[in-house]
Amino acid sequence: MYGIVNKGIRDMVIRNHGELVWEKIITEAGCQEDFFMSMEVYDDSITYDLVGAASKILRTPAPDILVAFGEFWMIFTATEGYGNALQIAGSTFPQFLDQLDDLHRRLGTTYRELIPPSFVCEEIDDQTLILQYHSHRKGLTSLAIGIVQGLGKKFDMEVEVQLIKKQEDIGYDEFLVKYIPIQKETTKEPNLNSKQPNNEKGKCPFSEFRGAN
């Protein structure tokens, strides 16, 4: 994988747990370096070792690490200079998912040795879709789930991702994805000019709890 992936793991760990924890993870993973060049290609085993080490040091299952990283990936890539590419990839949640392959093709002009996964999106209705995740790499199902959930946050969507078919059975993962807009709470301003009923005047707000013990 390109170093930007390992660099992303590093940034996520340091942001959430600090430099000392990252150093422990690097040591546990047996890495010879603690910083990665974004445009350099590294062996996939380094990434897997980092995830395994993070799982051990943080006492968190590896799938949970991958989900968290998938969500973080959307924030990280924007800060790494790919914000414009992300902006033009799609203006809605399902549109962005449907155009992920096009996004990877554009990135391939920069990352010449990029071997990205492929996503096939089929809309069922305006809140449901089927998503296929094709990858030659094994064990990254949870990463794909995290990426979808991270995209949901980008578009202010509450997303539920359910794995319905597995790579080991049919050659790719298939997810049922449900999404609804997040309802933003609005604070109602109190009417300071309204008059309280007479029987409410001077009432202690905790009086109904008196004598409860």
Protein backbone atom coordinates (compact mmCIF):
# COMPACT_ATOMS: atom_id res chain seq x y z
CA MET A 1 0.00 0.00 0.00
CA TYR A 2 1.03 3.59 -0.40
CA GLY A 3 2.53 5.26 2.65
CA ILE A 4 -0.41 7.62 2.96
CA VAL A 5 -2.39 4.72 4.48
CA ASN A 6 0.19 4.02 7.17
CA LYS A 7 0.60 7.75 7.71
CA GLY A 8 -3.15 7.95 8.29
CA ILE A 9 -2.98 5.23 10.94
CA ARG A 10 -0.15 7.12 12.61
CA ASP A 11 -2.08 10.39 12.64
CA MET A 12 -5.22 8.73 14.02
CA VAL A 13 -3.32 7.08 16.87
CA ILE A 14 -1.37 10.21 17.80
CA ARG A 15 -4.46 12.40 17.65
CA ASN A 16 -6.46 10.11 19.92
CA HIS A 17 -3.79 8.55 22.14
CA GLY A 18 -0.57 10.54 21.85
CA GLU A 19 2.99 10.03 20.59
CA LEU A 20 3.98 7.58 23.33
CA VAL A 21 1.27 5.12 22.38
CA TRP A 22 2.27 5.36 18.72
CA GLU A 23 5.87 4.55 19.65
CA LYS A 24 4.65 1.46 21.52
CA ILE A 25 2.65 0.36 18.48
CA ILE A 26 5.64 0.83 16.15
CA THR A 27 7.79 -1.26 18.50
CA GLU A 28 5.15 -3.99 18.80
CA ALA A 29 4.75 -4.07 15.00
CA GLY A 30 8.51 -4.39 14.51
CA CYS A 31 8.66 -1.41 12.13
CA GLN A 32 12.06 0.06 11.38
CA GLU A 33 10.64 3.55 10.90
CA ASP A 34 7.93 5.56 12.62
CA PHE A 35 7.12 7.94 9.76
CA PHE A 36 5.89 7.09 6.27
CA MET A 37 6.17 8.95 2.97
CA SER A 38 2.75 9.37 1.36
CA MET A 39 3.92 8.69 -2.21
CA GLU A 40 6.14 5.71 -1.39
CA VAL A 41 4.88 2.13 -1.78
CA TYR A 42 5.23 -0.13 1.27
CA ASP A 43 4.55 -3.82 1.67
CA ASP A 44 0.96 -4.57 2.72
CA SER A 45 2.30 -6.59 5.65
CA ILE A 46 3.41 -3.36 7.35
CA THR A 47 -0.14 -2.04 7.40
CA TYR A 48 -1.52 -5.33 8.73
CA ASP A 49 1.21 -5.42 11.38
CA LEU A 50 0.37 -1.86 12.47
CA VAL A 51 -3.31 -2.73 12.84
CA GLY A 52 -2.45 -5.89 14.79
CA ALA A 53 -0.08 -3.97 17.07
CA ALA A 54 -2.64 -1.22 17.63
CA SER A 55 -5.20 -3.86 18.54
CA LYS A 56 -2.87 -5.31 21.16
CA ILE A 57 -1.61 -2.02 22.64
CA LEU A 58 -5.04 -0.37 22.69
CA ARG A 59 -6.79 -3.58 23.77
CA THR A 60 -9.30 -3.12 20.98
CA PRO A 61 -10.39 -5.75 18.43
CA ALA A 62 -8.71 -5.27 15.04
CA PRO A 63 -12.08 -4.90 13.22
CA ASP A 64 -12.94 -1.98 15.52
CA ILE A 65 -9.56 -0.38 14.75
CA LEU A 66 -10.29 -0.68 11.03
CA VAL A 67 -13.80 0.78 11.35
CA ALA A 68 -12.42 3.75 13.29
CA PHE A 69 -9.68 4.23 10.70
CA GLY A 70 -12.18 4.09 7.85
CA GLU A 71 -14.18 6.89 9.46
CA PHE A 72 -11.01 8.88 10.16
CA TRP A 73 -9.81 8.39 6.57
CA MET A 74 -12.33 10.89 5.21
CA ILE A 75 -11.03 13.62 7.54
CA PHE A 76 -7.38 12.71 7.02
CA THR A 77 -7.40 12.69 3.21
CA ALA A 78 -9.07 16.10 3.14
CA THR A 79 -6.25 17.53 5.28
CA GLU A 80 -3.64 15.85 3.05
CA GLY A 81 -4.62 17.95 0.07
CA TYR A 82 -7.37 15.82 -1.46
CA GLY A 83 -10.26 18.02 -0.34
CA ASN A 84 -11.01 19.23 -3.88
CA ALA A 85 -11.04 15.68 -5.25
CA LEU A 86 -13.48 14.68 -2.53
CA GLN A 87 -15.69 17.69 -3.21
CA ILE A 88 -16.21 16.82 -6.88
CA ALA A 89 -16.70 13.09 -6.26
CA GLY A 90 -20.38 13.51 -5.50
CA SER A 91 -22.83 15.95 -3.95
CA THR A 92 -24.95 13.34 -2.15
CA PHE A 93 -24.18 10.25 -0.08
CA PRO A 94 -25.33 7.64 -2.66
CA GLN A 95 -23.79 9.62 -5.53
CA PHE A 96 -20.41 9.71 -3.78
CA LEU A 97 -20.48 5.95 -3.19
CA ASP A 98 -21.43 5.37 -6.81
CA GLN A 99 -18.48 7.47 -8.00
CA LEU A 100 -15.77 6.03 -5.73
CA ASP A 101 -14.26 4.08 -8.62
CA ASP A 102 -14.03 7.26 -10.71
CA LEU A 103 -12.32 8.98 -7.77
CA HIS A 104 -9.77 6.17 -7.55
CA ARG A 105 -9.12 6.37 -11.29
CA ARG A 106 -8.35 10.07 -10.99
CA LEU A 107 -6.04 9.43 -8.05
CA GLY A 108 -4.33 6.75 -10.13
CA THR A 109 -2.84 9.47 -12.31
CA THR A 110 -0.84 10.53 -9.24
CA TYR A 111 -0.42 7.18 -7.52
CA ARG A 112 0.78 5.17 -10.50
CA GLU A 113 1.01 1.86 -8.63
CA LEU A 114 -2.36 2.24 -6.91
CA ILE A 115 -4.40 -0.97 -6.79
CA PRO A 116 -7.65 0.29 -5.25
CA PRO A 117 -10.76 -1.65 -4.31
CA SER A 118 -13.84 -1.38 -6.48
CA PHE A 119 -17.33 -0.39 -5.33
CA VAL A 120 -20.57 -1.25 -7.11
CA CYS A 121 -23.58 0.67 -5.88
CA GLU A 122 -27.24 -0.17 -6.50
CA GLU A 123 -29.93 2.11 -5.10
CA ILE A 124 -32.99 0.30 -3.74
CA ASP A 125 -34.91 3.39 -2.65
CA ASP A 126 -34.11 6.89 -1.41
CA GLN A 127 -32.82 5.54 1.93
CA THR A 128 -31.44 2.11 1.03
CA LEU A 129 -28.76 0.75 -1.27
CA ILE A 130 -26.73 -2.39 -1.93
CA LEU A 131 -22.98 -1.90 -2.00
CA GLN A 132 -20.47 -4.41 -3.35
CA TYR A 133 -16.87 -4.14 -2.15
CA HIS A 134 -14.31 -5.88 -4.38
CA SER A 135 -10.70 -6.07 -3.16
CA HIS A 136 -7.76 -8.36 -3.81
CA ARG A 137 -6.71 -7.75 -0.18
CA LYS A 138 -8.13 -9.89 2.59
CA GLY A 139 -9.46 -8.85 5.96
CA LEU A 140 -10.42 -5.26 5.18
CA THR A 141 -14.19 -5.60 5.36
CA SER A 142 -14.33 -3.49 8.51
CA LEU A 143 -12.29 -0.76 6.82
CA ALA A 144 -14.91 -0.54 4.07
CA ILE A 145 -17.65 -0.29 6.71
CA GLY A 146 -15.77 2.54 8.41
CA ILE A 147 -15.34 4.42 5.13
CA VAL A 148 -19.07 4.21 4.41
CA GLN A 149 -19.88 5.40 7.92
CA GLY A 150 -17.34 8.23 7.56
CA LEU A 151 -19.02 9.29 4.33
CA GLY A 152 -22.32 9.29 6.18
CA LYS A 153 -20.90 11.81 8.64
CA LYS A 154 -19.59 13.93 5.77
CA PHE A 155 -23.12 14.17 4.37
CA ASP A 156 -24.87 14.45 7.77
CA MET A 157 -26.42 11.02 7.40
CA GLU A 158 -27.15 8.42 10.04
CA VAL A 159 -25.85 5.24 8.40
CA GLU A 160 -26.40 1.57 9.19
CA VAL A 161 -24.15 -0.91 7.35
CA GLN A 162 -24.98 -4.63 7.39
CA LEU A 163 -22.73 -7.28 5.84
CA ILE A 164 -25.06 -9.62 3.93
CA LYS A 165 -22.57 -11.56 1.75
CA LYS A 166 -18.92 -12.35 2.50
CA GLN A 167 -15.80 -12.29 0.36
CA GLU A 168 -14.84 -15.84 1.29
CA ASP A 169 -18.21 -17.08 -0.01
CA ILE A 170 -18.75 -15.13 -3.25
CA GLY A 171 -15.43 -13.36 -3.90
CA TYR A 172 -16.50 -9.93 -2.66
CA ASP A 173 -18.32 -8.34 0.28
CA GLU A 174 -21.85 -7.09 -0.12
CA PHE A 175 -23.49 -4.64 2.27
CA LEU A 176 -27.02 -3.46 2.87
CA VAL A 177 -26.70 0.25 3.59
CA LYS A 178 -29.53 2.25 5.14
CA TYR A 179 -29.24 5.98 5.62
CA ILE A 180 -31.39 8.84 6.84
CA PRO A 181 -30.59 12.54 7.29
CA ILE A 182 -29.52 13.48 10.80
CA GLN A 183 -32.19 15.64 12.38
CA LYS A 184 -30.55 18.72 13.79
CA GLU A 185 -32.12 19.91 17.00
CA THR A 186 -33.46 23.44 17.10
CA THR A 187 -33.60 25.30 20.38
CA LYS A 188 -36.90 27.01 20.99
CA GLU A 189 -36.47 30.47 22.46
CA PRO A 190 -38.49 30.96 25.64
CA ASN A 191 -41.27 33.55 25.53
CA LEU A 192 -40.27 35.92 28.28
CA ASN A 193 -43.44 37.94 27.89
CA SER A 194 -45.80 35.06 28.60
CA LYS A 195 -47.43 34.97 32.04
CA GLN A 196 -47.30 31.93 34.26
CA PRO A 197 -50.57 30.51 35.55
CA ASN A 198 -51.22 31.64 39.10
CA ASN A 199 -50.88 28.15 40.51
CA GLU A 200 -47.32 27.91 39.08
CA LYS A 201 -45.95 31.14 40.53
CA GLY A 202 -43.14 30.67 42.97
CA LYS A 203 -43.25 26.90 42.66
CA CYS A 204 -39.91 25.22 43.41
CA PRO A 205 -38.83 23.17 40.37
CA PHE A 206 -37.79 20.27 42.64
CA SER A 207 -40.81 20.40 44.95
CA GLU A 208 -42.43 17.37 43.35
CA PHE A 209 -39.51 15.25 44.58
CA ARG A 210 -39.80 16.32 48.21
CA GLY A 211 -40.62 13.50 50.51
CA ALA A 212 -39.72 10.91 47.89
CA ASN A 213 -37.33 9.35 50.36
